[in-house]
């Protein structure tokens, strides 16, 4: 992996447990905020579930059944502002 000074520290990625690691009902697509410079063995999903990096199947956005908790928290850190086009 090439890391440049201009890269953001964290990258949002989606992934789920790799085939054979769990039943299909547990293989939901989680949202991870991955530190590009980190080499930790586990990553923490937005919902709080911790998964080993080696057990994750990384996905393109929109692929797989989403984890409802991760999906609900996906934009929680973004600032909210009134929408002038709606008159608020």
Protein backbone atom coordinates (compact mmCIF):
# COMPACT_ATOMS: atom_id res chain seq x y z
CA UNK A 1 0.00 0.00 0.00
CA UNK A 2 1.34 3.43 -0.93
CA UNK A 3 0.59 6.12 1.61
CA UNK A 4 1.04 9.75 0.66
CA UNK A 5 1.13 12.78 2.93
CA UNK A 6 -1.96 14.11 1.18
CA UNK A 7 -4.06 11.03 2.05
CA UNK A 8 -6.71 11.37 4.71
CA UNK A 9 -5.97 9.57 7.96
CA UNK A 10 -9.17 7.50 7.90
CA UNK A 11 -11.01 5.86 5.03
CA UNK A 12 -14.62 4.62 5.13
CA UNK A 13 -14.87 1.07 3.81
CA UNK A 14 -17.52 -1.63 3.76
CA UNK A 15 -16.85 -5.27 4.46
CA UNK A 16 -18.34 -8.44 5.88
CA UNK A 17 -17.13 -11.72 7.30
CA UNK A 18 -15.52 -13.84 4.59
CA UNK A 19 -17.38 -16.92 3.30
CA UNK A 20 -17.03 -19.85 5.66
CA UNK A 21 -16.34 -17.67 8.72
CA UNK A 22 -20.00 -17.41 9.77
CA UNK A 23 -23.51 -18.30 8.64
CA UNK A 24 -25.04 -16.20 5.88
CA UNK A 25 -27.30 -14.34 8.34
CA UNK A 26 -24.21 -12.98 10.15
CA UNK A 27 -22.48 -11.87 6.95
CA UNK A 28 -23.92 -8.35 6.90
CA UNK A 29 -21.98 -5.47 5.33
CA UNK A 30 -20.46 -3.32 8.07
CA UNK A 31 -19.09 0.22 7.72
CA UNK A 32 -15.50 0.57 8.94
CA UNK A 33 -13.46 3.72 9.45
CA UNK A 34 -10.02 2.32 8.65
CA UNK A 35 -6.83 4.17 9.54
CA UNK A 36 -4.72 4.06 6.38
CA UNK A 37 -1.48 3.96 8.38
CA UNK A 38 -2.60 1.36 10.94
CA UNK A 39 -1.55 -2.27 10.87
CA UNK A 40 -3.72 -3.49 13.75
CA UNK A 41 -5.03 -7.05 13.52
CA UNK A 42 -8.67 -6.02 14.10
CA UNK A 43 -10.91 -3.25 12.82
CA UNK A 44 -13.93 -1.77 14.57
CA UNK A 45 -17.20 -1.33 12.69
CA UNK A 46 -19.41 1.71 13.30
CA UNK A 47 -21.86 -0.55 15.17
CA UNK A 48 -19.13 -1.61 17.62
CA UNK A 49 -18.39 -5.08 16.24
CA UNK A 50 -14.69 -5.87 16.11
CA UNK A 51 -13.52 -8.14 13.27
CA UNK A 52 -10.07 -9.54 12.42
CA UNK A 53 -8.74 -7.97 9.20
CA UNK A 54 -7.89 -11.42 7.82
CA UNK A 55 -11.54 -12.55 8.18
CA UNK A 56 -13.04 -9.62 6.25
CA UNK A 57 -14.24 -9.69 2.66
CA UNK A 58 -13.95 -6.05 1.51
CA UNK A 59 -16.87 -4.87 -0.61
CA UNK A 60 -17.72 -2.12 -3.05
CA UNK A 61 -20.25 0.37 -1.61
CA UNK A 62 -23.82 -0.87 -2.00
CA UNK A 63 -22.92 -4.57 -2.13
CA UNK A 64 -24.37 -6.99 0.42
CA UNK A 65 -27.07 -6.74 3.07
CA UNK A 66 -26.17 -3.74 5.25
CA UNK A 67 -25.76 -3.89 9.01
CA UNK A 68 -28.68 -1.74 10.18
CA UNK A 69 -26.71 -0.28 13.09
CA UNK A 70 -23.75 0.69 10.88
CA UNK A 71 -26.07 2.14 8.27
CA UNK A 72 -27.89 4.23 10.86
CA UNK A 73 -24.60 5.58 12.23
CA UNK A 74 -22.84 6.03 8.86
CA UNK A 75 -23.42 9.78 8.67
CA UNK A 76 -23.62 10.49 12.39
CA UNK A 77 -20.33 12.39 12.46
CA UNK A 78 -21.26 14.77 9.64
CA UNK A 79 -22.31 18.31 10.61
CA UNK A 80 -25.97 19.11 10.11
CA UNK A 81 -27.00 22.39 8.54
CA UNK A 82 -30.34 23.87 7.50
CA UNK A 83 -31.35 23.44 3.89
CA UNK A 84 -32.06 26.86 2.41
CA UNK A 85 -33.92 25.33 -0.54
CA UNK A 86 -36.45 23.93 1.95
CA UNK A 87 -36.86 27.28 3.71
CA UNK A 88 -35.16 26.19 6.95
